[in-house]
Amino acid sequence: MLDAIGAGLTPRVGDRDWAELWRESPEFEETLEEIARIKTEAIKLEKGESKAASSSFATPFWYQLKVVTKRSFVGLWRSPNYVYTRVFIHAAISLILSLSYLQLGQSMRDLQYRLFSM
């Protein structure tokens, strides 16, 4: 693509820019008409009919939460080594900290050790 528009190593293909060709094409005119139609329809809508007026988001919170949670679980399912490593690290750190301060007393220093382990 870069070679075709002249930004690559070779000079541009043809004597005209791709931007010029696009601006002169019938698809460009159709796109402009479609944008104008969408704008006029949006202006005609009353605020009460507009979904955007009732909420600042396109979908409800619970639907978004469900989709994002599912996506996160799929991502974790695809990388089990990462999940196993996290579980092992959490278990090892909690075991080391809990065994380090297993038989603490009730003094001020022991209270500081407990707070440190938390």
PDB file of N, CA and C in Angstrom:
ATOM      1  N   MET A   1       0.833  -1.192   0.000  1.00  0.00           N
ATOM      2  CA  MET A   1       0.000   0.000   0.000  1.00  0.00           C
ATOM      3  C   MET A   1       0.873   1.250   0.000  1.00  0.00           C
ATOM      4  N   LEU A   2       1.932   1.244   0.795  1.00  0.00           N
ATOM      5  CA  LEU A   2       2.815   2.412   0.830  1.00  0.00           C
ATOM      6  C   LEU A   2       3.473   2.647  -0.515  1.00  0.00           C
ATOM      7  N   ASP A   3       3.832   1.568  -1.199  1.00  0.00           N
ATOM      8  CA  ASP A   3       4.420   1.723  -2.531  1.00  0.00           C
ATOM      9  C   ASP A   3       3.411   2.306  -3.507  1.00  0.00           C
ATOM     10  N   ALA A   4       2.146   1.935  -3.383  1.00  0.00           N
ATOM     11  CA  ALA A   4       1.121   2.418  -4.309  1.00  0.00           C
ATOM     12  C   ALA A   4       0.859   3.906  -4.142  1.00  0.00           C
ATOM     13  N   ILE A   5       0.954   4.423  -2.928  1.00  0.00           N
ATOM     14  CA  ILE A   5       0.688   5.850  -2.731  1.00  0.00           C
ATOM     15  C   ILE A   5       1.946   6.700  -2.840  1.00  0.00           C
ATOM     16  N   GLY A   6       3.101   6.046  -3.006  1.00  0.00           N
ATOM     17  CA  GLY A   6       4.327   6.801  -3.209  1.00  0.00           C
ATOM     18  C   GLY A   6       5.110   7.039  -1.945  1.00  0.00           C
ATOM     19  N   ALA A   7       4.707   6.410  -0.833  1.00  0.00           N
ATOM     20  CA  ALA A   7       5.429   6.619   0.422  1.00  0.00           C
ATOM     21  C   ALA A   7       6.443   5.511   0.671  1.00  0.00           C
ATOM     22  N   GLY A   8       6.509   4.548  -0.226  1.00  0.00           N
ATOM     23  CA  GLY A   8       7.436   3.442  -0.039  1.00  0.00           C
ATOM     24  C   GLY A   8       8.779   3.724  -0.689  1.00  0.00           C
ATOM     25  N   LEU A   9       9.468   2.664  -1.052  1.00  0.00           N
ATOM     26  CA  LEU A   9      10.789   2.793  -1.654  1.00  0.00           C
ATOM     27  C   LEU A   9      10.706   3.163  -3.131  1.00  0.00           C
ATOM     28  N   THR A  10       9.640   2.741  -3.793  1.00  0.00           N
ATOM     29  CA  THR A  10       9.495   3.037  -5.212  1.00  0.00           C
ATOM     30  C   THR A  10       8.596   4.245  -5.397  1.00  0.00           C
ATOM     31  N   PRO A  11       8.696   4.925  -6.547  1.00  0.00           N
ATOM     32  CA  PRO A  11       7.815   6.072  -6.780  1.00  0.00           C
ATOM     33  C   PRO A  11       6.360   5.630  -6.912  1.00  0.00           C
ATOM     34  N   ARG A  12       5.477   6.612  -6.863  1.00  0.00           N
ATOM     35  CA  ARG A  12       4.039   6.380  -6.885  1.00  0.00           C
ATOM     36  C   ARG A  12       3.613   5.689  -8.177  1.00  0.00           C
ATOM     37  N   VAL A  13       2.605   4.813  -8.073  1.00  0.00           N
ATOM     38  CA  VAL A  13       2.049   4.131  -9.236  1.00  0.00           C
ATOM     39  C   VAL A  13       1.021   5.059  -9.873  1.00  0.00           C
ATOM     40  N   GLY A  14       1.170   5.379 -11.142  1.00  0.00           N
ATOM     41  CA  GLY A  14       0.235   6.259 -11.828  1.00  0.00           C
ATOM     42  C   GLY A  14       0.609   7.714 -11.658  1.00  0.00           C
ATOM     43  N   ASP A  15      -0.192   8.580 -12.311  1.00  0.00           N
ATOM     44  CA  ASP A  15       0.128  10.011 -12.287  1.00  0.00           C
ATOM     45  C   ASP A  15      -0.764  10.799 -11.339  1.00  0.00           C
ATOM     46  N   ARG A  16      -1.710  10.145 -10.658  1.00  0.00           N
ATOM     47  CA  ARG A  16      -2.635  10.854  -9.780  1.00  0.00           C
ATOM     48  C   ARG A  16      -2.581  10.280  -8.373  1.00  0.00           C
ATOM     49  N   ASP A  17      -2.954  11.108  -7.412  1.00  0.00           N
ATOM     50  CA  ASP A  17      -3.019  10.681  -6.016  1.00  0.00           C
ATOM     51  C   ASP A  17      -4.242   9.805  -5.784  1.00  0.00           C
ATOM     52  N   TRP A  18      -4.138   8.913  -4.793  1.00  0.00           N
ATOM     53  CA  TRP A  18      -5.288   8.107  -4.405  1.00  0.00           C
ATOM     54  C   TRP A  18      -6.371   8.992  -3.794  1.00  0.00           C
ATOM     55  N   ALA A  19      -5.972  10.050  -3.114  1.00  0.00           N
ATOM     56  CA  ALA A  19      -6.953  10.962  -2.522  1.00  0.00           C
ATOM     57  C   ALA A  19      -7.772  11.656  -3.609  1.00  0.00           C
ATOM     58  N   GLU A  20      -7.125  12.032  -4.690  1.00  0.00           N
ATOM     59  CA  GLU A  20      -7.845  12.656  -5.818  1.00  0.00           C
ATOM     60  C   GLU A  20      -8.832  11.677  -6.434  1.00  0.00           C
ATOM     61  N   LEU A  21      -8.378  10.460  -6.651  1.00  0.00           N
ATOM     62  CA  LEU A  21      -9.256   9.446  -7.226  1.00  0.00           C
ATOM     63  C   LEU A  21     -10.468   9.207  -6.336  1.00  0.00           C
ATOM     64  N   TRP A  22     -10.248   9.179  -5.029  1.00  0.00           N
ATOM     65  CA  TRP A  22     -11.352   8.962  -4.096  1.00  0.00           C
ATOM     66  C   TRP A  22     -12.335  10.139  -4.138  1.00  0.00           C
ATOM     67  N   ARG A  23     -11.825  11.352  -4.123  1.00  0.00           N
ATOM     68  CA  ARG A  23     -12.704  12.524  -4.123  1.00  0.00           C
ATOM     69  C   ARG A  23     -13.532  12.631  -5.406  1.00  0.00           C
ATOM     70  N   GLU A  24     -13.048  12.090  -6.498  1.00  0.00           N
ATOM     71  CA  GLU A  24     -13.769  12.159  -7.768  1.00  0.00           C
ATOM     72  C   GLU A  24     -14.641  10.926  -8.023  1.00  0.00           C
ATOM     73  N   SER A  25     -14.617   9.958  -7.113  1.00  0.00           N
ATOM     74  CA  SER A  25     -15.362   8.714  -7.341  1.00  0.00           C
ATOM     75  C   SER A  25     -16.827   8.846  -6.929  1.00  0.00           C
ATOM     76  N   PRO A  26     -17.695   8.027  -7.509  1.00  0.00           N
ATOM     77  CA  PRO A  26     -19.116   8.043  -7.109  1.00  0.00           C
ATOM     78  C   PRO A  26     -19.315   7.547  -5.681  1.00  0.00           C
ATOM     79  N   GLU A  27     -18.424   6.696  -5.194  1.00  0.00           N
ATOM     80  CA  GLU A  27     -18.535   6.210  -3.816  1.00  0.00           C
ATOM     81  C   GLU A  27     -18.349   7.344  -2.819  1.00  0.00           C
ATOM     82  N   PHE A  28     -17.486   8.292  -3.139  1.00  0.00           N
ATOM     83  CA  PHE A  28     -17.278   9.446  -2.268  1.00  0.00           C
ATOM     84  C   PHE A  28     -18.557  10.268  -2.169  1.00  0.00           C
ATOM     85  N   GLU A  29     -19.214  10.485  -3.311  1.00  0.00           N
ATOM     86  CA  GLU A  29     -20.478  11.239  -3.313  1.00  0.00           C
ATOM     87  C   GLU A  29     -21.547  10.511  -2.514  1.00  0.00           C
ATOM     88  N   GLU A  30     -21.614   9.184  -2.673  1.00  0.00           N
ATOM     89  CA  GLU A  30     -22.586   8.400  -1.912  1.00  0.00           C
ATOM     90  C   GLU A  30     -22.304   8.487  -0.415  1.00  0.00           C
ATOM     91  N   THR A  31     -21.039   8.470  -0.049  1.00  0.00           N
ATOM     92  CA  THR A  31     -20.668   8.569   1.357  1.00  0.00           C
ATOM     93  C   THR A  31     -21.058   9.918   1.931  1.00  0.00           C
ATOM     94  N   LEU A  32     -20.820  10.980   1.178  1.00  0.00           N
ATOM     95  CA  LEU A  32     -21.222  12.317   1.638  1.00  0.00           C
ATOM     96  C   LEU A  32     -22.734  12.419   1.806  1.00  0.00           C
ATOM     97  N   GLU A  33     -23.478  11.849   0.865  1.00  0.00           N
ATOM     98  CA  GLU A  33     -24.937  11.865   0.967  1.00  0.00           C
ATOM     99  C   GLU A  33     -25.413  11.068   2.180  1.00  0.00           C
ATOM    100  N   GLU A  34     -24.776   9.941   2.430  1.00  0.00           N
ATOM    101  CA  GLU A  34     -25.141   9.115   3.592  1.00  0.00           C
ATOM    102  C   GLU A  34     -24.862   9.856   4.893  1.00  0.00           C
ATOM    103  N   ILE A  35     -23.745  10.542   4.974  1.00  0.00           N
ATOM    104  CA  ILE A  35     -23.415  11.321   6.177  1.00  0.00           C
ATOM    105  C   ILE A  35     -24.426  12.443   6.374  1.00  0.00           C
ATOM    106  N   ALA A  36     -24.788  13.117   5.291  1.00  0.00           N
ATOM    107  CA  ALA A  36     -25.778  14.200   5.392  1.00  0.00           C
ATOM    108  C   ALA A  36     -27.131  13.652   5.824  1.00  0.00           C
ATOM    109  N   ARG A  37     -27.525  12.476   5.302  1.00  0.00           N
ATOM    110  CA  ARG A  37     -28.799  11.861   5.689  1.00  0.00           C
ATOM    111  C   ARG A  37     -28.801  11.493   7.164  1.00  0.00           C
ATOM    112  N   ILE A  38     -27.719  10.917   7.646  1.00  0.00           N
ATOM    113  CA  ILE A  38     -27.621  10.542   9.055  1.00  0.00           C
ATOM    114  C   ILE A  38     -27.706  11.776   9.945  1.00  0.00           C
ATOM    115  N   LYS A  39     -27.045  12.849   9.537  1.00  0.00           N
ATOM    116  CA  LYS A  39     -27.091  14.085  10.329  1.00  0.00           C
ATOM    117  C   LYS A  39     -28.505  14.660  10.390  1.00  0.00           C
ATOM    118  N   THR A  40     -29.206  14.679   9.256  1.00  0.00           N
ATOM    119  CA  THR A  40     -30.560  15.242   9.260  1.00  0.00           C
ATOM    120  C   THR A  40     -31.511  14.387  10.082  1.00  0.00           C
ATOM    121  N   GLU A  41     -31.366  13.066  10.035  1.00  0.00           N
ATOM    122  CA  GLU A  41     -32.199  12.192  10.860  1.00  0.00           C
ATOM    123  C   GLU A  41     -31.920  12.388  12.337  1.00  0.00           C
ATOM    124  N   ALA A  42     -30.654  12.597  12.695  1.00  0.00           N
ATOM    125  CA  ALA A  42     -30.307  12.808  14.092  1.00  0.00           C
ATOM    126  C   ALA A  42     -30.860  14.129  14.602  1.00  0.00           C
ATOM    127  N   ILE A  43     -30.860  15.146  13.745  1.00  0.00           N
ATOM    128  CA  ILE A  43     -31.396  16.446  14.151  1.00  0.00           C
ATOM    129  C   ILE A  43     -32.908  16.367  14.323  1.00  0.00           C
ATOM    130  N   LYS A  44     -33.598  15.581  13.477  1.00  0.00           N
ATOM    131  CA  LYS A  44     -35.046  15.464  13.540  1.00  0.00           C
ATOM    132  C   LYS A  44     -35.530  14.749  14.807  1.00  0.00           C
ATOM    133  N   LEU A  45     -34.695  13.878  15.339  1.00  0.00           N
ATOM    134  CA  LEU A  45     -35.109  13.137  16.536  1.00  0.00           C
ATOM    135  C   LEU A  45     -35.306  14.083  17.706  1.00  0.00           C
ATOM    136  N   GLU A  46     -36.367  13.862  18.399  1.00  0.00           N
ATOM    137  CA  GLU A  46     -36.567  14.657  19.609  1.00  0.00           C
ATOM    138  C   GLU A  46     -35.730  14.054  20.722  1.00  0.00           C
ATOM    139  N   LYS A  47     -35.437  14.867  21.719  1.00  0.00           N
ATOM    140  CA  LYS A  47     -34.577  14.398  22.803  1.00  0.00           C
ATOM    141  C   LYS A  47     -35.209  13.237  23.554  1.00  0.00           C
ATOM    142  N   GLY A  48     -36.525  13.185  23.656  1.00  0.00           N
ATOM    143  CA  GLY A  48     -37.193  12.092  24.348  1.00  0.00           C
ATOM    144  C   GLY A  48     -37.068  10.771  23.621  1.00  0.00           C
ATOM    145  N   GLU A  49     -36.933  10.807  22.298  1.00  0.00           N
ATOM    146  CA  GLU A  49     -36.847   9.593  21.511  1.00  0.00           C
ATOM    147  C   GLU A  49     -35.420   9.056  21.436  1.00  0.00           C
ATOM    148  N   SER A  50     -34.472   9.891  21.716  1.00  0.00           N
ATOM    149  CA  SER A  50     -33.077   9.509  21.560  1.00  0.00           C
ATOM    150  C   SER A  50     -32.629   8.622  22.709  1.00  0.00           C
ATOM    151  N   LYS A  51     -31.945   7.534  22.385  1.00  0.00           N
ATOM    152  CA  LYS A  51     -31.406   6.661  23.419  1.00  0.00           C
ATOM    153  C   LYS A  51     -30.267   7.336  24.167  1.00  0.00           C
ATOM    154  N   ALA A  52     -29.515   8.164  23.465  1.00  0.00           N
ATOM    155  CA  ALA A  52     -28.369   8.828  24.086  1.00  0.00           C
ATOM    156  C   ALA A  52     -28.814   9.818  25.154  1.00  0.00           C
ATOM    157  N   ALA A  53     -30.027  10.339  25.041  1.00  0.00           N
ATOM    158  CA  ALA A  53     -30.506  11.301  26.027  1.00  0.00           C
ATOM    159  C   ALA A  53     -30.802  10.628  27.355  1.00  0.00           C
ATOM    160  N   SER A  54     -31.222   9.344  27.339  1.00  0.00           N
ATOM    161  CA  SER A  54     -31.565   8.663  28.576  1.00  0.00           C
ATOM    162  C   SER A  54     -30.330   8.113  29.289  1.00  0.00           C
ATOM    163  N   SER A  55     -29.292   7.805  28.563  1.00  0.00           N
ATOM    164  CA  SER A  55     -28.096   7.237  29.155  1.00  0.00           C
ATOM    165  C   SER A  55     -26.875   7.706  28.370  1.00  0.00           C
ATOM    166  N   SER A  56     -25.771   7.811  29.066  1.00  0.00           N
ATOM    167  CA  SER A  56     -24.559   8.227  28.379  1.00  0.00           C
ATOM    168  C   SER A  56     -23.832   7.037  27.745  1.00  0.00           C
ATOM    169  N   PHE A  57     -24.314   5.812  28.002  1.00  0.00           N
ATOM    170  CA  PHE A  57     -23.698   4.621  27.439  1.00  0.00           C
ATOM    171  C   PHE A  57     -24.698   3.915  26.520  1.00  0.00           C
ATOM    172  N   ALA A  58     -24.187   3.181  25.558  1.00  0.00           N
ATOM    173  CA  ALA A  58     -25.044   2.510  24.587  1.00  0.00           C
ATOM    174  C   ALA A  58     -25.737   1.281  25.173  1.00  0.00           C
ATOM    175  N   THR A  59     -25.112   0.634  26.141  1.00  0.00           N
ATOM    176  CA  THR A  59     -25.693  -0.559  26.743  1.00  0.00           C
ATOM    177  C   THR A  59     -25.735  -0.411  28.257  1.00  0.00           C
ATOM    178  N   PRO A  60     -26.605  -1.160  28.921  1.00  0.00           N
ATOM    179  CA  PRO A  60     -26.683  -1.085  30.381  1.00  0.00           C
ATOM    180  C   PRO A  60     -25.416  -1.609  31.054  1.00  0.00           C
ATOM    181  N   PHE A  61     -25.242  -1.207  32.296  1.00  0.00           N
ATOM    182  CA  PHE A  61     -24.048  -1.575  33.056  1.00  0.00           C
ATOM    183  C   PHE A  61     -23.922  -3.085  33.203  1.00  0.00           C
ATOM    184  N   TRP A  62     -25.025  -3.770  33.508  1.00  0.00           N
ATOM    185  CA  TRP A  62     -24.947  -5.212  33.773  1.00  0.00           C
ATOM    186  C   TRP A  62     -24.587  -5.987  32.508  1.00  0.00           C
ATOM    187  N   TYR A  63     -25.033  -5.538  31.359  1.00  0.00           N
ATOM    188  CA  TYR A  63     -24.650  -6.184  30.106  1.00  0.00           C
ATOM    189  C   TYR A  63     -23.157  -5.985  29.841  1.00  0.00           C
ATOM    190  N   GLN A  64     -22.678  -4.771  30.055  1.00  0.00           N
ATOM    191  CA  GLN A  64     -21.253  -4.503  29.874  1.00  0.00           C
ATOM    192  C   GLN A  64     -20.422  -5.357  30.824  1.00  0.00           C
ATOM    193  N   LEU A  65     -20.861  -5.472  32.082  1.00  0.00           N
ATOM    194  CA  LEU A  65     -20.146  -6.282  33.073  1.00  0.00           C
ATOM    195  C   LEU A  65     -20.086  -7.733  32.640  1.00  0.00           C
ATOM    196  N   LYS A  66     -21.211  -8.254  32.126  1.00  0.00           N
ATOM    197  CA  LYS A  66     -21.249  -9.645  31.671  1.00  0.00           C
ATOM    198  C   LYS A  66     -20.287  -9.865  30.506  1.00  0.00           C
ATOM    199  N   VAL A  67     -20.298  -8.962  29.543  1.00  0.00           N
ATOM    200  CA  VAL A  67     -19.439  -9.121  28.364  1.00  0.00           C
ATOM    201  C   VAL A  67     -17.964  -9.024  28.743  1.00  0.00           C
ATOM    202  N   VAL A  68     -17.628  -8.056  29.584  1.00  0.00           N
ATOM    203  CA  VAL A  68     -16.224  -7.879  29.965  1.00  0.00           C
ATOM    204  C   VAL A  68     -15.739  -9.042  30.823  1.00  0.00           C
ATOM    205  N   THR A  69     -16.597  -9.543  31.717  1.00  0.00           N
ATOM    206  CA  THR A  69     -16.216 -10.687  32.542  1.00  0.00           C
ATOM    207  C   THR A  69     -15.989 -11.921  31.683  1.00  0.00           C
ATOM    208  N   LYS A  70     -16.879 -12.151  30.731  1.00  0.00           N
ATOM    209  CA  LYS A  70     -16.716 -13.299  29.824  1.00  0.00           C
ATOM    210  C   LYS A  70     -15.428 -13.165  29.022  1.00  0.00           C
ATOM    211  N   ARG A  71     -15.162 -11.956  28.529  1.00  0.00           N
ATOM    212  CA  ARG A  71     -13.947 -11.738  27.746  1.00  0.00           C
ATOM    213  C   ARG A  71     -12.703 -11.977  28.598  1.00  0.00           C
ATOM    214  N   SER A  72     -12.737 -11.551  29.857  1.00  0.00           N
ATOM    215  CA  SER A  72     -11.593 -11.757  30.753  1.00  0.00           C
ATOM    216  C   SER A  72     -11.374 -13.242  31.026  1.00  0.00           C
ATOM    217  N   PHE A  73     -12.477 -13.978  31.265  1.00  0.00           N
ATOM    218  CA  PHE A  73     -12.343 -15.405  31.518  1.00  0.00           C
ATOM    219  C   PHE A  73     -11.824 -16.146  30.296  1.00  0.00           C
ATOM    220  N   VAL A  74     -12.258 -15.749  29.119  1.00  0.00           N
ATOM    221  CA  VAL A  74     -11.752 -16.381  27.894  1.00  0.00           C
ATOM    222  C   VAL A  74     -10.253 -16.095  27.748  1.00  0.00           C
ATOM    223  N   GLY A  75      -9.848 -14.861  28.053  1.00  0.00           N
ATOM    224  CA  GLY A  75      -8.425 -14.519  27.979  1.00  0.00           C
ATOM    225  C   GLY A  75      -7.598 -15.316  28.976  1.00  0.00           C
ATOM    226  N   LEU A  76      -8.133 -15.519  30.177  1.00  0.00           N
ATOM    227  CA  LEU A  76      -7.412 -16.313  31.166  1.00  0.00           C
ATOM    228  C   LEU A  76      -7.394 -17.791  30.785  1.00  0.00           C
ATOM    229  N   TRP A  77      -8.480 -18.274  30.191  1.00  0.00           N
ATOM    230  CA  TRP A  77      -8.552 -19.670  29.778  1.00  0.00           C
ATOM    231  C   TRP A  77      -7.521 -19.968  28.690  1.00  0.00           C
ATOM    232  N   ARG A  78      -7.223 -18.964  27.873  1.00  0.00           N
ATOM    233  CA  ARG A  78      -6.274 -19.162  26.774  1.00  0.00           C
ATOM    234  C   ARG A  78      -4.829 -19.121  27.224  1.00  0.00           C
ATOM    235  N   SER A  79      -4.572 -18.627  28.431  1.00  0.00           N
ATOM    236  CA  SER A  79      -3.194 -18.596  28.941  1.00  0.00           C
ATOM    237  C   SER A  79      -3.148 -19.212  30.339  1.00  0.00           C
ATOM    238  N   PRO A  80      -3.262 -20.531  30.419  1.00  0.00           N
ATOM    239  CA  PRO A  80      -3.301 -21.180  31.736  1.00  0.00           C
ATOM    240  C   PRO A  80      -1.990 -21.071  32.506  1.00  0.00           C
ATOM    241  N   ASN A  81      -0.868 -20.972  31.813  1.00  0.00           N
ATOM    242  CA  ASN A  81       0.403 -20.852  32.524  1.00  0.00           C
ATOM    243  C   ASN A  81       0.445 -19.588  33.369  1.00  0.00           C
ATOM    244  N   TYR A  82      -0.107 -18.508  32.858  1.00  0.00           N
ATOM    245  CA  TYR A  82      -0.158 -17.253  33.608  1.00  0.00           C
ATOM    246  C   TYR A  82      -1.009 -17.420  34.859  1.00  0.00           C
ATOM    247  N   VAL A  83      -2.144 -18.083  34.731  1.00  0.00           N
ATOM    248  CA  VAL A  83      -3.036 -18.288  35.879  1.00  0.00           C
ATOM    249  C   VAL A  83      -2.361 -19.172  36.915  1.00  0.00           C
ATOM    250  N   TYR A  84      -1.746 -20.282  36.475  1.00  0.00           N
ATOM    251  CA  TYR A  84      -1.067 -21.176  37.416  1.00  0.00           C
ATOM    252  C   TYR A  84       0.071 -20.466  38.137  1.00  0.00           C
ATOM    253  N   THR A  85       0.803 -19.633  37.406  1.00  0.00           N
ATOM    254  CA  THR A  85       1.898 -18.889  38.023  1.00  0.00           C
ATOM    255  C   THR A  85       1.375 -17.930  39.079  1.00  0.00           C
ATOM    256  N   ARG A  86       0.305 -17.232  38.788  1.00  0.00           N
ATOM    257  CA  ARG A  86      -0.282 -16.302  39.768  1.00  0.00           C
ATOM    258  C   ARG A  86      -0.768 -17.035  41.011  1.00  0.00           C
ATOM    259  N   VAL A  87      -1.432 -18.178  40.824  1.00  0.00           N
ATOM    260  CA  VAL A  87      -1.916 -18.956  41.976  1.00  0.00           C
ATOM    261  C   VAL A  87      -0.738 -19.432  42.810  1.00  0.00           C
ATOM    262  N   PHE A  88       0.304 -19.929  42.163  1.00  0.00           N
ATOM    263  CA  PHE A  88       1.470 -20.402  42.894  1.00  0.00           C
ATOM    264  C   PHE A  88       2.138 -19.260  43.661  1.00  0.00           C
ATOM    265  N   ILE A  89       2.296 -18.108  43.029  1.00  0.00           N
ATOM    266  CA  ILE A  89       2.935 -16.973  43.694  1.00  0.00           C
ATOM    267  C   ILE A  89       2.109 -16.516  44.894  1.00  0.00           C
ATOM    268  N   HIS A  90       0.794 -16.436  44.734  1.00  0.00           N
ATOM    269  CA  HIS A  90      -0.057 -16.021  45.852  1.00  0.00           C
ATOM    270  C   HIS A  90       0.017 -17.026  46.995  1.00  0.00           C
ATOM    271  N   ALA A  91      -0.017 -18.319  46.669  1.00  0.00           N
ATOM    272  CA  ALA A  91       0.054 -19.346  47.700  1.00  0.00           C
ATOM    273  C   ALA A  91       1.413 -19.319  48.386  1.00  0.00           C
ATOM    274  N   ALA A  92       2.481 -19.172  47.622  1.00  0.00           N
ATOM    275  CA  ALA A  92       3.828 -19.175  48.206  1.00  0.00           C
ATOM    276  C   ALA A  92       4.034 -17.957  49.097  1.00  0.00           C
ATOM    277  N   ILE A  93       3.623 -16.800  48.650  1.00  0.00           N
ATOM    278  CA  ILE A  93       3.809 -15.590  49.461  1.00  0.00           C
ATOM    279  C   ILE A  93       2.985 -15.667  50.736  1.00  0.00           C
ATOM    280  N   SER A  94       1.737 -16.120  50.632  1.00  0.00           N
ATOM    281  CA  SER A  94       0.920 -16.216  51.845  1.00  0.00           C
ATOM    282  C   SER A  94       1.471 -17.252  52.800  1.00  0.00           C
ATOM    283  N   LEU A  95       1.993 -18.357  52.286  1.00  0.00           N
ATOM    284  CA  LEU A  95       2.587 -19.381  53.149  1.00  0.00           C
ATOM    285  C   LEU A  95       3.849 -18.857  53.834  1.00  0.00           C
ATOM    286  N   ILE A  96       4.711 -18.171  53.108  1.00  0.00           N
ATOM    287  CA  ILE A  96       5.940 -17.624  53.688  1.00  0.00           C
ATOM    288  C   ILE A  96       5.613 -16.604  54.767  1.00  0.00           C
ATOM    289  N   LEU A  97       4.688 -15.695  54.470  1.00  0.00           N
ATOM    290  CA  LEU A  97       4.343 -14.672  55.460  1.00  0.00           C
ATOM    291  C   LEU A  97       3.665 -15.264  56.681  1.00  0.00           C
ATOM    292  N   SER A  98       2.768 -16.206  56.464  1.00  0.00           N
ATOM    293  CA  SER A  98       2.063 -16.765  57.624  1.00  0.00           C
ATOM    294  C   SER A  98       2.988 -17.624  58.485  1.00  0.00           C
ATOM    295  N   LEU A  99       3.895 -18.361  57.871  1.00  0.00           N
ATOM    296  CA  LEU A  99       4.813 -19.174  58.665  1.00  0.00           C
ATOM    297  C   LEU A  99       5.902 -18.345  59.336  1.00  0.00           C
ATOM    298  N   SER A 100       6.229 -17.201  58.753  1.00  0.00           N
ATOM    299  CA  SER A 100       7.255 -16.352  59.356  1.00  0.00           C
ATOM    300  C   SER A 100       6.799 -15.789  60.700  1.00  0.00           C
ATOM    301  N   TYR A 101       5.534 -15.539  60.832  1.00  0.00           N
ATOM    302  CA  TYR A 101       5.004 -14.925  62.047  1.00  0.00           C
ATOM    303  C   TYR A 101       3.996 -15.852  62.715  1.00  0.00           C
ATOM    304  N   LEU A 102       4.323 -17.142  62.788  1.00  0.00           N
ATOM    305  CA  LEU A 102       3.388 -18.141  63.282  1.00  0.00           C
ATOM    306  C   LEU A 102       3.085 -17.978  64.765  1.00  0.00           C
ATOM    307  N   GLN A 103       4.082 -17.857  65.602  1.00  0.00           N
ATOM    308  CA  GLN A 103       3.848 -17.830  67.048  1.00  0.00           C
ATOM    309  C   GLN A 103       4.226 -16.462  67.616  1.00  0.00           C
ATOM    310  N   LEU A 104       3.427 -15.470  67.256  1.00  0.00           N
ATOM    311  CA  LEU A 104       3.672 -14.127  67.752  1.00  0.00           C
ATOM    312  C   LEU A 104       2.946 -13.925  69.071  1.00  0.00           C
ATOM    313  N   GLY A 105       3.515 -13.057  69.888  1.00  0.00           N
ATOM    314  CA  GLY A 105       2.902 -12.745  71.175  1.00  0.00           C
ATOM    315  C   GLY A 105       1.962 -11.552  71.057  1.00  0.00           C
ATOM    316  N   GLN A 106       1.808 -10.832  72.186  1.00  0.00           N
ATOM    317  CA  GLN A 106       0.882  -9.712  72.243  1.00  0.00           C
ATOM    318  C   GLN A 106       1.590  -8.365  72.430  1.00  0.00           C
ATOM    319  N   SER A 107       2.892  -8.307  72.222  1.00  0.00           N
ATOM    320  CA  SER A 107       3.626  -7.063  72.454  1.00  0.00           C
ATOM    321  C   SER A 107       3.446  -6.103  71.262  1.00  0.00           C
ATOM    322  N   MET A 108       3.981  -4.883  71.450  1.00  0.00           N
ATOM    323  CA  MET A 108       3.885  -3.866  70.395  1.00  0.00           C
ATOM    324  C   MET A 108       4.666  -4.295  69.156  1.00  0.00           C
ATOM    325  N   ARG A 109       5.811  -4.899  69.339  1.00  0.00           N
ATOM    326  CA  ARG A 109       6.617  -5.369  68.222  1.00  0.00           C
ATOM    327  C   ARG A 109       5.884  -6.466  67.454  1.00  0.00           C
ATOM    328  N   ASP A 110       5.240  -7.363  68.172  1.00  0.00           N
ATOM    329  CA  ASP A 110       4.482  -8.436  67.516  1.00  0.00           C
ATOM    330  C   ASP A 110       3.310  -7.873  66.724  1.00  0.00           C
ATOM    331  N   LEU A 111       2.693  -6.807  67.243  1.00  0.00           N
ATOM    332  CA  LEU A 111       1.611  -6.149  66.506  1.00  0.00           C
ATOM    333  C   LEU A 111       2.138  -5.561  65.193  1.00  0.00           C
ATOM    334  N   GLN A 112       3.335  -4.966  65.236  1.00  0.00           N
ATOM    335  CA  GLN A 112       3.933  -4.431  64.020  1.00  0.00           C
ATOM    336  C   GLN A 112       4.248  -5.548  63.018  1.00  0.00           C
ATOM    337  N   TYR A 113       4.709  -6.679  63.490  1.00  0.00           N
ATOM    338  CA  TYR A 113       4.971  -7.814  62.605  1.00  0.00           C
ATOM    339  C   TYR A 113       3.686  -8.309  61.953  1.00  0.00           C
ATOM    340  N   ARG A 114       2.598  -8.346  62.700  1.00  0.00           N
ATOM    341  CA  ARG A 114       1.316  -8.765  62.134  1.00  0.00           C
ATOM    342  C   ARG A 114       0.824  -7.798  61.070  1.00  0.00           C
ATOM    343  N   LEU A 115       0.962  -6.510  61.360  1.00  0.00           N
ATOM    344  CA  LEU A 115       0.567  -5.514  60.369  1.00  0.00           C
ATOM    345  C   LEU A 115       1.433  -5.632  59.111  1.00  0.00           C
ATOM    346  N   PHE A 116       2.716  -5.889  59.295  1.00  0.00           N
ATOM    347  CA  PHE A 116       3.604  -6.070  58.145  1.00  0.00           C
ATOM    348  C   PHE A 116       3.180  -7.265  57.303  1.00  0.00           C
ATOM    349  N   SER A 117       2.798  -8.352  57.951  1.00  0.00           N
ATOM    350  CA  SER A 117       2.414  -9.529  57.199  1.00  0.00           C
ATOM    351  C   SER A 117       1.108  -9.338  56.445  1.00  0.00           C
ATOM    352  N   MET A 118       0.245  -8.465  56.988  1.00  0.00           N
ATOM    353  CA  MET A 118      -1.012  -8.166  56.267  1.00  0.00           C
ATOM    354  C   MET A 118      -0.734  -7.314  55.059  1.00  0.00           C
TER     355      MET A 118
END
